[in-house]
C-alpha atoms as a PDB file:
ATOM      1  CA  MET A   1      -0.121  -0.122   0.076  1.00  0.00           C
ATOM      2  CA  ASN A   2       1.267   3.419  -0.810  1.00  0.00           C
ATOM      3  CA  THR A   3       0.668   5.130   2.289  1.00  0.00           C
ATOM      4  CA  LYS A   4       3.004   8.018   1.709  1.00  0.00           C
ATOM      5  CA  GLY A   5       1.233   8.949  -1.664  1.00  0.00           C
ATOM      6  CA  ASP A   6      -2.199   8.939   0.090  1.00  0.00           C
ATOM      7  CA  LYS A   7      -0.943  11.054   2.936  1.00  0.00           C
ATOM      8  CA  SER A   8       0.633  13.553   0.499  1.00  0.00           C
ATOM      9  CA  LYS A   9      -2.614  13.726  -1.583  1.00  0.00           C
ATOM     10  CA  ASP A  10      -4.675  14.191   1.573  1.00  0.00           C
ATOM     11  CA  GLY A  11      -2.165  17.074   2.763  1.00  0.00           C
ATOM     12  CA  GLU A  12      -2.517  18.701  -0.696  1.00  0.00           C
ATOM     13  CA  SER A  13      -6.404  18.436  -0.660  1.00  0.00           C
ATOM     14  CA  SER A  14      -6.739  19.758   2.862  1.00  0.00           C
ATOM     15  CA  HIS A  15      -4.333  22.525   1.852  1.00  0.00           C
ATOM     16  CA  ALA A  16      -6.379  23.368  -1.236  1.00  0.00           C
ATOM     17  CA  LYS A  17      -9.441  23.547   1.208  1.00  0.00           C
ATOM     18  CA  LYS A  18      -7.742  25.882   3.546  1.00  0.00           C
ATOM     19  CA  LYS A  19      -6.560  27.979   0.706  1.00  0.00           C
ATOM     20  CA  SER A  20     -10.041  28.105  -0.642  1.00  0.00           C
ATOM     21  CA  ARG A  21     -11.437  29.599   2.502  1.00  0.00           C
ATOM     22  CA  ARG A  22      -9.532  32.782   2.078  1.00  0.00           C
ATOM     23  CA  PRO A  23     -11.549  35.831   1.348  1.00  0.00           C
ATOM     24  CA  LYS A  24     -11.244  37.185  -2.117  1.00  0.00           C
ATOM     25  CA  TYR A  25      -8.913  39.921  -2.259  1.00  0.00           C
ATOM     26  CA  SER A  26     -10.524  43.476  -2.265  1.00  0.00           C
ATOM     27  CA  ARG A  27      -9.444  46.910  -1.530  1.00  0.00           C
ATOM     28  CA  PHE A  28     -12.279  47.284   0.876  1.00  0.00           C
ATOM     29  CA  SER A  29     -11.381  43.999   2.876  1.00  0.00           C
ATOM     30  CA  GLN A  30      -7.697  45.035   3.052  1.00  0.00           C
ATOM     31  CA  GLN A  31      -8.732  48.630   4.018  1.00  0.00           C
ATOM     32  CA  GLU A  32      -6.911  50.255   1.108  1.00  0.00           C
ATOM     33  CA  LEU A  33      -9.753  52.556   0.086  1.00  0.00           C
ATOM     34  CA  PRO A  34      -8.940  56.253   0.020  1.00  0.00           C
ATOM     35  CA  ALA A  35      -9.630  57.981   3.418  1.00  0.00           C
ATOM     36  CA  CYS A  36      -9.723  61.453   4.808  1.00  0.00           C
ATOM     37  CA  LYS A  37      -6.789  61.612   7.301  1.00  0.00           C
ATOM     38  CA  PRO A  38      -6.691  65.214   8.686  1.00  0.00           C
ATOM     39  CA  ILE A  39      -3.732  66.262  10.614  1.00  0.00           C
ATOM     40  CA  LEU A  40      -4.754  68.223  13.659  1.00  0.00           C
ATOM     41  CA  SER A  41      -2.084  70.961  13.711  1.00  0.00           C
ATOM     42  CA  PRO A  42      -1.664  73.291  16.600  1.00  0.00           C
ATOM     43  CA  GLY A  43      -3.378  76.057  14.682  1.00  0.00           C
ATOM     44  CA  TRP A  44      -6.434  73.781  13.910  1.00  0.00           C
ATOM     45  CA  VAL A  45      -6.797  72.701  17.601  1.00  0.00           C
ATOM     46  CA  VAL A  46      -6.623  76.116  19.023  1.00  0.00           C
ATOM     47  CA  SER A  47      -9.003  77.369  16.204  1.00  0.00           C
ATOM     48  CA  ILE A  48     -11.563  74.651  17.169  1.00  0.00           C
ATOM     49  CA  PHE A  49     -11.547  75.345  20.802  1.00  0.00           C
ATOM     50  CA  ILE A  50     -11.810  79.174  20.421  1.00  0.00           C
ATOM     51  CA  SER A  51     -14.670  78.640  18.038  1.00  0.00           C
ATOM     52  CA  ILE A  52     -16.522  76.376  20.521  1.00  0.00           C
ATOM     53  CA  GLY A  53     -15.872  78.900  23.158  1.00  0.00           C
ATOM     54  CA  VAL A  54     -16.944  82.034  21.083  1.00  0.00           C
ATOM     55  CA  ILE A  55     -20.217  80.277  20.115  1.00  0.00           C
ATOM     56  CA  PHE A  56     -21.157  78.431  23.527  1.00  0.00           C
ATOM     57  CA  ILE A  57     -20.345  81.355  25.895  1.00  0.00           C
ATOM     58  CA  PRO A  58     -23.086  83.818  24.431  1.00  0.00           C
ATOM     59  CA  ILE A  59     -25.683  80.979  24.226  1.00  0.00           C
ATOM     60  CA  GLY A  60     -25.118  80.163  27.782  1.00  0.00           C
ATOM     61  CA  PHE A  61     -25.526  83.915  28.846  1.00  0.00           C
ATOM     62  CA  ALA A  62     -28.687  84.175  26.774  1.00  0.00           C
ATOM     63  CA  SER A  63     -30.079  80.890  28.364  1.00  0.00           C
ATOM     64  CA  LEU A  64     -29.402  82.239  31.885  1.00  0.00           C
ATOM     65  CA  LEU A  65     -30.966  85.638  30.898  1.00  0.00           C
ATOM     66  CA  ALA A  66     -34.180  83.797  29.582  1.00  0.00           C
ATOM     67  CA  SER A  67     -34.362  81.701  32.784  1.00  0.00           C
ATOM     68  CA  GLU A  68     -34.029  84.742  34.918  1.00  0.00           C
ATOM     69  CA  ARG A  69     -36.840  86.417  33.120  1.00  0.00           C
ATOM     70  CA  VAL A  70     -39.203  83.569  34.011  1.00  0.00           C
ATOM     71  CA  VAL A  71     -41.327  84.332  37.003  1.00  0.00           C
ATOM     72  CA  GLU A  72     -41.917  81.213  39.249  1.00  0.00           C
ATOM     73  CA  MET A  73     -43.642  80.964  42.565  1.00  0.00           C
ATOM     74  CA  ARG A  74     -43.516  77.915  44.802  1.00  0.00           C
ATOM     75  CA  PHE A  75     -45.680  76.922  47.756  1.00  0.00           C
ATOM     76  CA  HIS A  76     -45.235  73.955  49.992  1.00  0.00           C
ATOM     77  CA  TYR A  77     -48.564  73.037  51.381  1.00  0.00           C
ATOM     78  CA  ASP A  78     -48.225  69.464  52.564  1.00  0.00           C
ATOM     79  CA  HIS A  79     -47.818  70.535  56.342  1.00  0.00           C
ATOM     80  CA  ASP A  80     -49.291  73.973  56.168  1.00  0.00           C
ATOM     81  CA  CYS A  81     -52.594  72.381  55.179  1.00  0.00           C
ATOM     82  CA  ILE A  82     -52.676  70.019  58.297  1.00  0.00           C
ATOM     83  CA  PRO A  83     -54.842  71.155  61.221  1.00  0.00           C
ATOM     84  CA  ALA A  84     -52.756  71.591  64.373  1.00  0.00           C
ATOM     85  CA  LYS A  85     -54.472  68.675  66.220  1.00  0.00           C
ATOM     86  CA  TYR A  86     -53.388  66.292  63.463  1.00  0.00           C
ATOM     87  CA  LYS A  87     -49.781  67.442  63.198  1.00  0.00           C
ATOM     88  CA  ASP A  88     -48.465  64.317  65.060  1.00  0.00           C
ATOM     89  CA  ASP A  89     -50.831  61.966  63.186  1.00  0.00           C
ATOM     90  CA  MET A  90     -50.902  63.237  59.479  1.00  0.00           C
ATOM     91  CA  ILE A  91     -51.611  59.812  58.079  1.00  0.00           C
ATOM     92  CA  ALA A  92     -54.858  59.573  60.087  1.00  0.00           C
ATOM     93  CA  PHE A  93     -55.890  63.075  58.912  1.00  0.00           C
ATOM     94  CA  ILE A  94     -55.369  62.198  55.106  1.00  0.00           C
ATOM     95  CA  GLN A  95     -56.956  58.776  55.363  1.00  0.00           C
ATOM     96  CA  SER A  96     -60.092  59.805  57.187  1.00  0.00           C
ATOM     97  CA  ASN A  97     -63.194  60.286  55.195  1.00  0.00           C
ATOM     98  CA  VAL A  98     -64.706  62.769  57.681  1.00  0.00           C
ATOM     99  CA  THR A  99     -61.958  65.200  58.102  1.00  0.00           C
ATOM    100  CA  ASN A 100     -62.234  68.567  56.230  1.00  0.00           C
ATOM    101  CA  LYS A 101     -59.429  68.619  53.629  1.00  0.00           C
ATOM    102  CA  ASN A 102     -60.037  72.309  52.401  1.00  0.00           C
ATOM    103  CA  CYS A 103     -57.259  74.749  52.833  1.00  0.00           C
ATOM    104  CA  THR A 104     -57.047  78.343  51.854  1.00  0.00           C
ATOM    105  CA  ARG A 105     -53.785  80.198  51.691  1.00  0.00           C
ATOM    106  CA  ARG A 106     -52.844  83.523  50.117  1.00  0.00           C
ATOM    107  CA  LEU A 107     -49.804  83.986  47.868  1.00  0.00           C
ATOM    108  CA  PRO A 108     -48.459  87.634  47.072  1.00  0.00           C
ATOM    109  CA  VAL A 109     -47.378  88.346  43.514  1.00  0.00           C
ATOM    110  CA  THR A 110     -44.102  90.121  43.497  1.00  0.00           C
ATOM    111  CA  THR A 111     -43.321  90.423  39.775  1.00  0.00           C
ATOM    112  CA  LYS A 112     -45.936  90.710  37.011  1.00  0.00           C
ATOM    113  CA  MET A 113     -46.642  87.522  35.325  1.00  0.00           C
ATOM    114  CA  LYS A 114     -47.857  87.315  31.666  1.00  0.00           C
ATOM    115  CA  SER A 115     -50.220  84.780  30.537  1.00  0.00           C
ATOM    116  CA  PRO A 116     -50.203  81.815  29.978  1.00  0.00           C
ATOM    117  CA  ILE A 117     -49.344  81.065  33.527  1.00  0.00           C
ATOM    118  CA  TYR A 118     -48.567  77.428  34.080  1.00  0.00           C
ATOM    119  CA  VAL A 119     -49.870  75.593  37.225  1.00  0.00           C
ATOM    120  CA  TYR A 120     -47.843  72.608  38.420  1.00  0.00           C
ATOM    121  CA  TYR A 121     -47.905  70.124  41.137  1.00  0.00           C
ATOM    122  CA  GLN A 122     -44.510  68.940  42.468  1.00  0.00           C
ATOM    123  CA  LEU A 123     -44.072  65.746  44.354  1.00  0.00           C
ATOM    124  CA  GLU A 124     -40.732  64.824  46.128  1.00  0.00           C
ATOM    125  CA  ARG A 125     -39.715  61.210  47.263  1.00  0.00           C
ATOM    126  CA  TYR A 126     -42.133  59.727  44.901  1.00  0.00           C
ATOM    127  CA  TYR A 127     -40.467  56.918  42.929  1.00  0.00           C
ATOM    128  CA  GLN A 128     -42.700  56.711  39.847  1.00  0.00           C
ATOM    129  CA  ASN A 129     -39.636  54.920  38.213  1.00  0.00           C
ATOM    130  CA  HIS A 130     -39.800  51.810  40.571  1.00  0.00           C
ATOM    131  CA  ARG A 131     -39.776  48.714  38.448  1.00  0.00           C
ATOM    132  CA  ARG A 132     -42.895  47.049  39.779  1.00  0.00           C
ATOM    133  CA  TYR A 133     -44.822  50.308  39.703  1.00  0.00           C
ATOM    134  CA  VAL A 134     -43.863  51.164  36.021  1.00  0.00           C
ATOM    135  CA  LYS A 135     -44.902  47.674  34.834  1.00  0.00           C
ATOM    136  CA  SER A 136     -48.226  47.703  36.548  1.00  0.00           C
ATOM    137  CA  ARG A 137     -50.390  49.176  33.539  1.00  0.00           C
ATOM    138  CA  SER A 138     -51.696  47.966  30.172  1.00  0.00           C
ATOM    139  CA  ASP A 139     -50.770  50.324  27.177  1.00  0.00           C
ATOM    140  CA  SER A 140     -52.708  47.878  24.911  1.00  0.00           C
ATOM    141  CA  GLN A 141     -55.914  48.396  26.978  1.00  0.00           C
ATOM    142  CA  LEU A 142     -55.513  52.147  26.655  1.00  0.00           C
ATOM    143  CA  ARG A 143     -55.033  52.115  22.907  1.00  0.00           C
ATOM    144  CA  SER A 144     -57.945  49.666  21.897  1.00  0.00           C
ATOM    145  CA  VAL A 145     -61.524  48.670  22.998  1.00  0.00           C
ATOM    146  CA  SER A 146     -60.715  45.021  21.786  1.00  0.00           C
ATOM    147  CA  SER A 147     -57.785  44.813  24.467  1.00  0.00           C
ATOM    148  CA  GLU A 148     -59.897  45.905  27.474  1.00  0.00           C
ATOM    149  CA  ASP A 149     -59.335  42.382  28.892  1.00  0.00           C
ATOM    150  CA  SER A 150     -55.578  42.670  28.651  1.00  0.00           C
ATOM    151  CA  THR A 151     -54.685  43.127  32.224  1.00  0.00           C
ATOM    152  CA  ASP A 152     -51.756  40.545  32.637  1.00  0.00           C
ATOM    153  CA  ASN A 153     -49.260  43.280  34.298  1.00  0.00           C
ATOM    154  CA  CYS A 154     -52.001  45.234  36.162  1.00  0.00           C
ATOM    155  CA  ALA A 155     -52.019  43.327  39.503  1.00  0.00           C
ATOM    156  CA  PRO A 156     -53.034  44.062  42.044  1.00  0.00           C
ATOM    157  CA  GLU A 157     -55.380  46.557  40.386  1.00  0.00           C
ATOM    158  CA  SER A 158     -56.693  44.155  37.496  1.00  0.00           C
ATOM    159  CA  PHE A 159     -60.344  43.391  38.550  1.00  0.00           C
ATOM    160  CA  ALA A 160     -62.996  45.176  40.738  1.00  0.00           C
ATOM    161  CA  THR A 161     -64.536  43.534  43.737  1.00  0.00           C
ATOM    162  CA  ASN A 162     -67.383  42.424  41.605  1.00  0.00           C
ATOM    163  CA  GLY A 163     -64.939  40.596  39.237  1.00  0.00           C
ATOM    164  CA  GLN A 164     -65.121  42.836  36.379  1.00  0.00           C
ATOM    165  CA  VAL A 165     -62.101  44.280  34.465  1.00  0.00           C
ATOM    166  CA  ILE A 166     -60.676  47.719  35.610  1.00  0.00           C
ATOM    167  CA  VAL A 167     -60.254  50.391  32.788  1.00  0.00           C
ATOM    168  CA  PRO A 168     -57.605  51.842  33.131  1.00  0.00           C
ATOM    169  CA  CYS A 169     -55.997  49.012  35.185  1.00  0.00           C
ATOM    170  CA  GLY A 170     -52.665  49.008  37.107  1.00  0.00           C
ATOM    171  CA  LEU A 171     -51.121  50.886  39.889  1.00  0.00           C
ATOM    172  CA  VAL A 172     -49.960  53.896  37.874  1.00  0.00           C
ATOM    173  CA  ALA A 173     -53.484  54.878  36.956  1.00  0.00           C
ATOM    174  CA  TRP A 174     -54.761  53.865  40.277  1.00  0.00           C
ATOM    175  CA  SER A 175     -52.487  56.094  42.205  1.00  0.00           C
ATOM    176  CA  LEU A 176     -53.720  59.259  39.988  1.00  0.00           C
ATOM    177  CA  PHE A 177     -53.079  62.478  41.646  1.00  0.00           C
ATOM    178  CA  ASN A 178     -56.317  64.032  43.221  1.00  0.00           C
ATOM    179  CA  ASP A 179     -55.528  67.317  45.015  1.00  0.00           C
ATOM    180  CA  THR A 180     -57.325  70.119  43.291  1.00  0.00           C
ATOM    181  CA  TYR A 181     -56.815  73.951  43.218  1.00  0.00           C
ATOM    182  CA  LYS A 182     -59.041  77.020  42.685  1.00  0.00           C
ATOM    183  CA  PHE A 183     -57.481  80.508  42.404  1.00  0.00           C
ATOM    184  CA  SER A 184     -58.951  84.052  42.764  1.00  0.00           C
ATOM    185  CA  VAL A 185     -57.794  87.548  42.724  1.00  0.00           C
ATOM    186  CA  LYS A 186     -59.560  90.450  44.403  1.00  0.00           C
ATOM    187  CA  ASN A 187     -62.672  88.273  44.834  1.00  0.00           C
ATOM    188  CA  ARG A 188     -62.522  87.315  40.939  1.00  0.00           C
ATOM    189  CA  SER A 189     -62.172  83.721  40.037  1.00  0.00           C
ATOM    190  CA  LEU A 190     -59.207  82.693  37.783  1.00  0.00           C
ATOM    191  CA  GLY A 191     -60.058  79.957  35.473  1.00  0.00           C
ATOM    192  CA  VAL A 192     -57.648  77.130  34.989  1.00  0.00           C
ATOM    193  CA  ASN A 193     -57.564  75.719  31.351  1.00  0.00           C
ATOM    194  CA  LYS A 194     -56.982  71.931  31.423  1.00  0.00           C
ATOM    195  CA  LYS A 195     -57.214  71.447  27.751  1.00  0.00           C
ATOM    196  CA  ASP A 196     -53.874  70.732  25.470  1.00  0.00           C
ATOM    197  CA  ILE A 197     -51.831  70.192  28.623  1.00  0.00           C
ATOM    198  CA  THR A 198     -50.613  66.797  27.220  1.00  0.00           C
ATOM    199  CA  TRP A 199     -48.588  65.511  24.259  1.00  0.00           C
ATOM    200  CA  LYS A 200     -50.665  65.485  21.024  1.00  0.00           C
ATOM    201  CA  SER A 201     -48.847  62.042  20.148  1.00  0.00           C
ATOM    202  CA  ASP A 202     -50.399  60.750  23.571  1.00  0.00           C
ATOM    203  CA  ARG A 203     -53.741  61.849  22.917  1.00  0.00           C
ATOM    204  CA  GLU A 204     -53.976  60.426  19.465  1.00  0.00           C
ATOM    205  CA  LYS A 205     -51.967  57.458  19.601  1.00  0.00           C
ATOM    206  CA  LYS A 206     -51.553  55.983  23.059  1.00  0.00           C
ATOM    207  CA  PHE A 207     -55.125  56.712  24.564  1.00  0.00           C
ATOM    208  CA  SER A 208     -57.975  55.748  22.568  1.00  0.00           C
ATOM    209  CA  SER A 209     -61.266  57.973  22.043  1.00  0.00           C
ATOM    210  CA  ASP A 210     -63.225  54.628  21.967  1.00  0.00           C
ATOM    211  CA  VAL A 211     -62.186  53.480  25.500  1.00  0.00           C
ATOM    212  CA  TYR A 212     -64.128  54.669  28.603  1.00  0.00           C
ATOM    213  CA  PRO A 213     -63.225  54.221  32.257  1.00  0.00           C
ATOM    214  CA  LYS A 214     -64.850  51.249  33.779  1.00  0.00           C
ATOM    215  CA  ASN A 215     -64.980  50.132  37.445  1.00  0.00           C
ATOM    216  CA  PHE A 216     -62.127  52.528  38.099  1.00  0.00           C
ATOM    217  CA  GLN A 217     -61.293  52.821  41.764  1.00  0.00           C
ATOM    218  CA  SER A 218     -63.415  49.940  42.613  1.00  0.00           C
ATOM    219  CA  GLY A 219     -60.797  47.471  43.710  1.00  0.00           C
ATOM    220  CA  GLY A 220     -59.998  46.569  47.327  1.00  0.00           C
ATOM    221  CA  LEU A 221     -57.260  49.253  47.677  1.00  0.00           C
ATOM    222  CA  ILE A 222     -58.197  53.021  48.094  1.00  0.00           C
ATOM    223  CA  GLY A 223     -56.326  55.051  45.430  1.00  0.00           C
ATOM    224  CA  GLY A 224     -56.222  58.396  44.200  1.00  0.00           C
ATOM    225  CA  ALA A 225     -58.510  60.445  41.962  1.00  0.00           C
ATOM    226  CA  ARG A 226     -61.713  59.110  40.098  1.00  0.00           C
ATOM    227  CA  LEU A 227     -62.428  59.441  36.403  1.00  0.00           C
ATOM    228  CA  ASN A 228     -65.729  60.306  34.661  1.00  0.00           C
ATOM    229  CA  SER A 229     -67.033  57.252  32.974  1.00  0.00           C
ATOM    230  CA  SER A 230     -68.608  59.269  30.401  1.00  0.00           C
ATOM    231  CA  ILE A 231     -65.513  60.794  28.957  1.00  0.00           C
ATOM    232  CA  PRO A 232     -63.050  58.988  26.733  1.00  0.00           C
ATOM    233  CA  LEU A 233     -59.470  58.464  27.873  1.00  0.00           C
ATOM    234  CA  SER A 234     -58.108  60.568  25.049  1.00  0.00           C
ATOM    235  CA  GLN A 235     -59.844  63.488  26.756  1.00  0.00           C
ATOM    236  CA  GLN A 236     -58.766  62.592  30.270  1.00  0.00           C
ATOM    237  CA  GLU A 237     -55.910  64.970  30.290  1.00  0.00           C
ATOM    238  CA  ASP A 238     -55.134  64.721  33.854  1.00  0.00           C
ATOM    239  CA  LEU A 239     -54.838  60.982  33.508  1.00  0.00           C
ATOM    240  CA  ILE A 240     -52.673  61.205  30.406  1.00  0.00           C
ATOM    241  CA  VAL A 241     -50.180  63.643  32.227  1.00  0.00           C
ATOM    242  CA  TRP A 242     -50.068  61.271  35.235  1.00  0.00           C
ATOM    243  CA  MET A 243     -49.439  58.134  33.050  1.00  0.00           C
ATOM    244  CA  ARG A 244     -46.205  59.469  31.731  1.00  0.00           C
ATOM    245  CA  THR A 245     -44.081  58.423  34.631  1.00  0.00           C
ATOM    246  CA  ALA A 246     -41.278  60.543  35.878  1.00  0.00           C
ATOM    247  CA  ALA A 247     -37.698  59.265  35.777  1.00  0.00           C
ATOM    248  CA  LEU A 248     -36.606  61.007  39.100  1.00  0.00           C
ATOM    249  CA  PRO A 249     -38.295  60.880  42.703  1.00  0.00           C
ATOM    250  CA  SER A 250     -38.703  64.663  42.616  1.00  0.00           C
ATOM    251  CA  PHE A 251     -40.830  65.801  39.597  1.00  0.00           C
ATOM    252  CA  ARG A 252     -43.560  68.317  38.462  1.00  0.00           C
ATOM    253  CA  LYS A 253     -46.485  67.659  36.247  1.00  0.00           C
ATOM    254  CA  LEU A 254     -48.728  70.132  34.555  1.00  0.00           C
ATOM    255  CA  TYR A 255     -52.144  70.894  36.196  1.00  0.00           C
ATOM    256  CA  GLY A 256     -53.325  73.475  34.034  1.00  0.00           C
ATOM    257  CA  LYS A 257     -53.045  77.061  32.551  1.00  0.00           C
ATOM    258  CA  ILE A 258     -54.143  80.511  33.844  1.00  0.00           C
ATOM    259  CA  GLU A 259     -54.772  82.568  30.729  1.00  0.00           C
ATOM    260  CA  GLU A 260     -54.946  85.858  32.432  1.00  0.00           C
ATOM    261  CA  ASP A 261     -52.085  88.173  33.395  1.00  0.00           C
ATOM    262  CA  LEU A 262     -51.221  88.822  37.122  1.00  0.00           C
ATOM    263  CA  GLU A 263     -49.910  92.274  38.246  1.00  0.00           C
ATOM    264  CA  ALA A 264     -47.336  92.895  40.786  1.00  0.00           C
ATOM    265  CA  HIS A 265     -48.552  93.272  44.384  1.00  0.00           C
ATOM    266  CA  ASP A 266     -51.698  91.213  43.506  1.00  0.00           C
ATOM    267  CA  GLU A 267     -52.670  88.576  46.098  1.00  0.00           C
ATOM    268  CA  ILE A 268     -53.893  85.226  44.946  1.00  0.00           C
ATOM    269  CA  THR A 269     -56.018  83.261  47.062  1.00  0.00           C
ATOM    270  CA  ILE A 270     -55.630  79.540  46.680  1.00  0.00           C
ATOM    271  CA  GLU A 271     -58.193  77.110  47.728  1.00  0.00           C
ATOM    272  CA  ILE A 272     -56.662  73.615  48.096  1.00  0.00           C
ATOM    273  CA  GLN A 273     -58.356  70.299  48.481  1.00  0.00           C
ATOM    274  CA  ASN A 274     -55.707  68.291  50.299  1.00  0.00           C
ATOM    275  CA  ASN A 275     -56.455  64.848  49.335  1.00  0.00           C
ATOM    276  CA  TYR A 276     -53.435  63.097  48.127  1.00  0.00           C
ATOM    277  CA  ASN A 277     -51.559  60.939  50.655  1.00  0.00           C
ATOM    278  CA  THR A 278     -47.938  61.558  50.632  1.00  0.00           C
ATOM    279  CA  TYR A 279     -47.560  61.324  54.411  1.00  0.00           C
ATOM    280  CA  SER A 280     -47.278  57.493  54.332  1.00  0.00           C
ATOM    281  CA  PHE A 281     -43.771  57.755  52.788  1.00  0.00           C
ATOM    282  CA  ASN A 282     -42.759  61.139  53.958  1.00  0.00           C
ATOM    283  CA  GLY A 283     -43.137  62.707  50.561  1.00  0.00           C
ATOM    284  CA  ARG A 284     -43.756  66.331  49.983  1.00  0.00           C
ATOM    285  CA  LYS A 285     -46.315  68.332  47.733  1.00  0.00           C
ATOM    286  CA  SER A 286     -45.814  71.717  46.181  1.00  0.00           C
ATOM    287  CA  LEU A 287     -47.879  74.099  44.128  1.00  0.00           C
ATOM    288  CA  ILE A 288     -46.017  76.016  41.551  1.00  0.00           C
ATOM    289  CA  LEU A 289     -47.128  78.945  39.344  1.00  0.00           C
ATOM    290  CA  SER A 290     -44.766  79.691  36.660  1.00  0.00           C
ATOM    291  CA  THR A 291     -44.405  81.689  33.254  1.00  0.00           C
ATOM    292  CA  ALA A 292     -42.352  80.450  30.334  1.00  0.00           C
ATOM    293  CA  GLY A 293     -39.791  82.022  27.875  1.00  0.00           C
ATOM    294  CA  TRP A 294     -38.387  80.854  24.656  1.00  0.00           C
ATOM    295  CA  ILE A 295     -36.207  78.398  26.653  1.00  0.00           C
ATOM    296  CA  GLY A 296     -39.173  76.969  28.557  1.00  0.00           C
ATOM    297  CA  GLY A 297     -39.523  77.072  32.276  1.00  0.00           C
ATOM    298  CA  LYS A 298     -37.129  78.374  34.894  1.00  0.00           C
ATOM    299  CA  ASN A 299     -33.977  76.370  34.607  1.00  0.00           C
ATOM    300  CA  ASP A 300     -30.458  77.536  34.970  1.00  0.00           C
ATOM    301  CA  LEU A 301     -28.703  74.156  34.323  1.00  0.00           C
ATOM    302  CA  LEU A 302     -28.676  74.615  30.556  1.00  0.00           C
ATOM    303  CA  GLY A 303     -27.073  78.140  30.689  1.00  0.00           C
ATOM    304  CA  ILE A 304     -24.411  76.948  33.235  1.00  0.00           C
ATOM    305  CA  ALA A 305     -23.671  73.970  31.012  1.00  0.00           C
ATOM    306  CA  TYR A 306     -23.027  76.113  27.948  1.00  0.00           C
ATOM    307  CA  LEU A 307     -20.808  78.400  30.022  1.00  0.00           C
ATOM    308  CA  THR A 308     -18.903  75.780  31.543  1.00  0.00           C
ATOM    309  CA  VAL A 309     -18.025  74.001  28.241  1.00  0.00           C
ATOM    310  CA  GLY A 310     -17.356  77.256  26.452  1.00  0.00           C
ATOM    311  CA  GLY A 311     -15.081  78.504  29.235  1.00  0.00           C
ATOM    312  CA  MET A 312     -13.194  75.245  29.417  1.00  0.00           C
ATOM    313  CA  CYS A 313     -12.626  75.380  25.666  1.00  0.00           C
ATOM    314  CA  LEU A 314     -11.204  78.910  25.894  1.00  0.00           C
ATOM    315  CA  PHE A 315      -9.106  77.777  28.739  1.00  0.00           C
ATOM    316  CA  PHE A 316      -7.625  74.857  26.801  1.00  0.00           C
ATOM    317  CA  ALA A 317      -6.998  77.040  23.840  1.00  0.00           C
ATOM    318  CA  ILE A 318      -5.013  79.354  25.889  1.00  0.00           C
ATOM    319  CA  CYS A 319      -2.987  76.541  27.386  1.00  0.00           C
ATOM    320  CA  PHE A 320      -2.140  75.094  24.027  1.00  0.00           C
ATOM    321  CA  ILE A 321      -1.161  78.539  22.692  1.00  0.00           C
ATOM    322  CA  LEU A 322       1.152  78.864  25.579  1.00  0.00           C
ATOM    323  CA  MET A 323       2.680  75.437  25.154  1.00  0.00           C
ATOM    324  CA  TYR A 324       3.387  76.000  21.506  1.00  0.00           C
ATOM    325  CA  VAL A 325       4.984  79.518  22.136  1.00  0.00           C
ATOM    326  CA  ILE A 326       7.147  78.358  25.247  1.00  0.00           C
ATOM    327  CA  LYS A 327       8.092  74.799  24.069  1.00  0.00           C
ATOM    328  CA  PRO A 328       7.298  74.145  20.385  1.00  0.00           C
ATOM    329  CA  ARG A 329       8.097  71.081  18.610  1.00  0.00           C
ATOM    330  CA  PRO A 330       8.150  70.085  14.868  1.00  0.00           C
ATOM    331  CA  LEU A 331       4.745  68.807  13.538  1.00  0.00           C
ATOM    332  CA  GLY A 332       4.739  64.900  13.082  1.00  0.00           C
ATOM    333  CA  ASP A 333       8.086  64.373  14.791  1.00  0.00           C
ATOM    334  CA  THR A 334       8.382  60.652  15.310  1.00  0.00           C
ATOM    335  CA  SER A 335      10.993  60.809  17.795  1.00  0.00           C
ATOM    336  CA  TYR A 336       8.324  61.501  20.570  1.00  0.00           C
ATOM    337  CA  LEU A 337       6.700  58.099  19.919  1.00  0.00           C
ATOM    338  CA  SER A 338       7.290  55.743  22.878  1.00  0.00           C
ATOM    339  CA  TRP A 339       9.006  53.048  20.609  1.00  0.00           C
ATOM    340  CA  ASN A 340      11.397  55.374  19.301  1.00  0.00           C
ATOM    341  CA  ARG A 341      12.820  56.707  22.457  1.00  0.00           C
ATOM    342  CA  SER A 342      15.944  55.311  23.929  1.00  0.00           C
ATOM    343  CA  ALA A 343      15.712  52.394  26.202  1.00  0.00           C
ATOM    344  CA  SER A 344      15.790  53.265  29.918  1.00  0.00           C
ATOM    345  CA  GLY A 345      14.926  51.680  33.241  1.00  0.00           C
ATOM    346  CA  GLY A 346      15.002  48.233  31.863  1.00  0.00           C
ATOM    347  CA  GLN A 347      12.679  48.864  29.046  1.00  0.00           C
ATOM    348  CA  PHE A 348      13.440  47.465  25.615  1.00  0.00           C
ATOM    349  CA  ASN A 349      13.815  49.852  22.588  1.00  0.00           C
ATOM    350  CA  PHE A 350      11.942  48.394  19.629  1.00  0.00           C
END
């Protein structure tokens, strides 16, 4: 038997198979296509940093100026609206069905506020981003009548005490904020417009005009606000605002808009219905009245961020200029590369 010949043939065939597996040569696979390889010279680097600084710093000042022009008034009422005899047991006060939850306070206007004046409620230490809380809802139920029985993720608020499906189900809808506010100035009532306080995409895509509340707040647990069963979910804008859960434990949500100007030295009378239970978890509640500018509400963070980035870019530009003037070196000098330096301290020179 010619075993050597067979082995050589097997070796040649295996070598041919290995050779056939090689990818076909192309300039793309070998990365030989023409490419743009800009060289960042000191002049280019300094120019880029100066340009960023010159652009960002004016934007930062404009943002801060716009934020300063926004008039905002905040009023913490969670403790102020508790009667003196319930100060030591606020949970009993808020959970009682017989205690009077009405609270009237006066808030002076220090600066003229031009309409629209946005009314927000702010909650603190409220974790709407908790995993189990966020999952306790049914988006398909909110979008379509045919999916009203879809309550797989809604426990423990899936079914009412009579066994029927709750619409909208889940803990997010069940915990709907239910404090109410009424405003008046000089014995004249200020109307609060609750129309168009939500995203248009939410009203048209996420909440159906054919789905109506059913058996809401009829479960075994006492929840927040109730919904009008004759109004479709797409028009229940307080619910839509609440269902867009917040990412942080301190957040504010839009309650409505006052479409009248308020003059300086006016005094707003606020009638608060203090219903929402934030006392069980040591949360806080605030009422906020705010105007808006081209940048939105009052927020100095954006302006400070622009000023910080712009200032740092100008600082680095000055540092690079000083380094180039004091200790210049030729552009593209390969002697500064680590593998071209002389060996020292037991290191090898490649």
